[in-house]
C-alpha atoms as a PDB file:
ATOM      1  CA  MET A   1     109.935  61.719  52.437  1.00  0.00           C
ATOM      2  CA  CYS A   2     109.211  64.408  54.946  1.00  0.00           C
ATOM      3  CA  PRO A   3     110.093  68.104  54.986  1.00  0.00           C
ATOM      4  CA  GLU A   4     113.566  68.745  56.378  1.00  0.00           C
ATOM      5  CA  TYR A   5     112.266  70.472  59.521  1.00  0.00           C
ATOM      6  CA  LEU A   6     110.230  67.342  60.391  1.00  0.00           C
ATOM      7  CA  CYS A   7     113.036  64.828  59.832  1.00  0.00           C
ATOM      8  CA  ASN A   8     115.493  66.025  62.472  1.00  0.00           C
ATOM      9  CA  GLY A   9     116.260  63.947  65.542  1.00  0.00           C
ATOM     10  CA  VAL A  10     117.603  64.644  69.006  1.00  0.00           C
ATOM     11  CA  ILE A  11     119.750  62.401  71.172  1.00  0.00           C
ATOM     12  CA  ILE A  12     119.806  62.975  74.920  1.00  0.00           C
ATOM     13  CA  SER A  13     121.281  60.993  77.771  1.00  0.00           C
ATOM     14  CA  GLU A  14     119.220  58.574  79.814  1.00  0.00           C
ATOM     15  CA  ILE A  15     119.622  60.756  82.901  1.00  0.00           C
ATOM     16  CA  ASP A  16     118.312  63.812  81.030  1.00  0.00           C
ATOM     17  CA  TRP A  17     115.349  61.770  79.749  1.00  0.00           C
ATOM     18  CA  ALA A  18     114.592  60.664  83.322  1.00  0.00           C
ATOM     19  CA  ALA A  19     114.757  64.291  84.486  1.00  0.00           C
ATOM     20  CA  ILE A  20     112.302  65.329  81.757  1.00  0.00           C
ATOM     21  CA  GLY A  21     109.950  62.525  82.828  1.00  0.00           C
ATOM     22  CA  GLU A  22     110.176  63.584  86.475  1.00  0.00           C
ATOM     23  CA  THR A  23     109.506  67.202  85.553  1.00  0.00           C
ATOM     24  CA  LEU A  24     106.428  66.222  83.539  1.00  0.00           C
ATOM     25  CA  ASN A  25     105.239  64.099  86.451  1.00  0.00           C
ATOM     26  CA  LEU A  26     105.668  66.956  88.936  1.00  0.00           C
ATOM     27  CA  ILE A  27     103.921  69.568  86.807  1.00  0.00           C
ATOM     28  CA  SER A  28     100.990  67.206  86.256  1.00  0.00           C
ATOM     29  CA  ILE A  29     100.158  67.759  89.959  1.00  0.00           C
ATOM     30  CA  SER A  30      98.389  71.140  90.086  1.00  0.00           C
ATOM     31  CA  ALA A  31      99.580  72.126  93.584  1.00  0.00           C
ATOM     32  CA  MET A  32     103.148  71.192  92.712  1.00  0.00           C
ATOM     33  CA  ARG A  33     102.952  73.124  89.438  1.00  0.00           C
ATOM     34  CA  GLU A  34     101.885  76.281  91.301  1.00  0.00           C
ATOM     35  CA  SER A  35     104.603  75.801  93.914  1.00  0.00           C
ATOM     36  CA  ILE A  36     107.241  75.489  91.180  1.00  0.00           C
ATOM     37  CA  ARG A  37     105.943  78.638  89.472  1.00  0.00           C
ATOM     38  CA  GLU A  38     106.048  80.581  92.732  1.00  0.00           C
ATOM     39  CA  GLY A  39     109.560  79.324  93.424  1.00  0.00           C
ATOM     40  CA  MET A  40     110.750  80.415  89.995  1.00  0.00           C
ATOM     41  CA  GLU A  41     109.451  83.923  90.695  1.00  0.00           C
ATOM     42  CA  THR A  42     111.131  84.106  94.120  1.00  0.00           C
ATOM     43  CA  THR A  43     114.362  86.083  94.255  1.00  0.00           C
ATOM     44  CA  LEU A  44     117.431  84.717  95.995  1.00  0.00           C
ATOM     45  CA  SER A  45     117.203  87.415  98.661  1.00  0.00           C
ATOM     46  CA  GLU A  46     113.622  86.332  99.467  1.00  0.00           C
ATOM     47  CA  CYS A  47     114.847  82.737  99.851  1.00  0.00           C
ATOM     48  CA  GLU A  48     117.580  83.845 102.251  1.00  0.00           C
ATOM     49  CA  LYS A  49     115.001  85.663 104.403  1.00  0.00           C
ATOM     50  CA  ARG A  50     112.913  82.485 104.743  1.00  0.00           C
ATOM     51  CA  SER A  51     115.757  80.259 105.964  1.00  0.00           C
END
C-alpha cells in the first residue's frame, strides 16, 4: 500500500501527451528555452510593434 497522495493517477489525451513531449523537447534546447522565456515576458503591444 502507498500513501493516498502517492496513489493518484492522471489520464490525459494522446494529443496533450504529445504536446507535453514537444514542450520538453523544445526547452531542452538552451537557445529555444531562452527564446520562449523572452516571448512569455513580451506584452501583446510589443508584439504588434514588431510585426
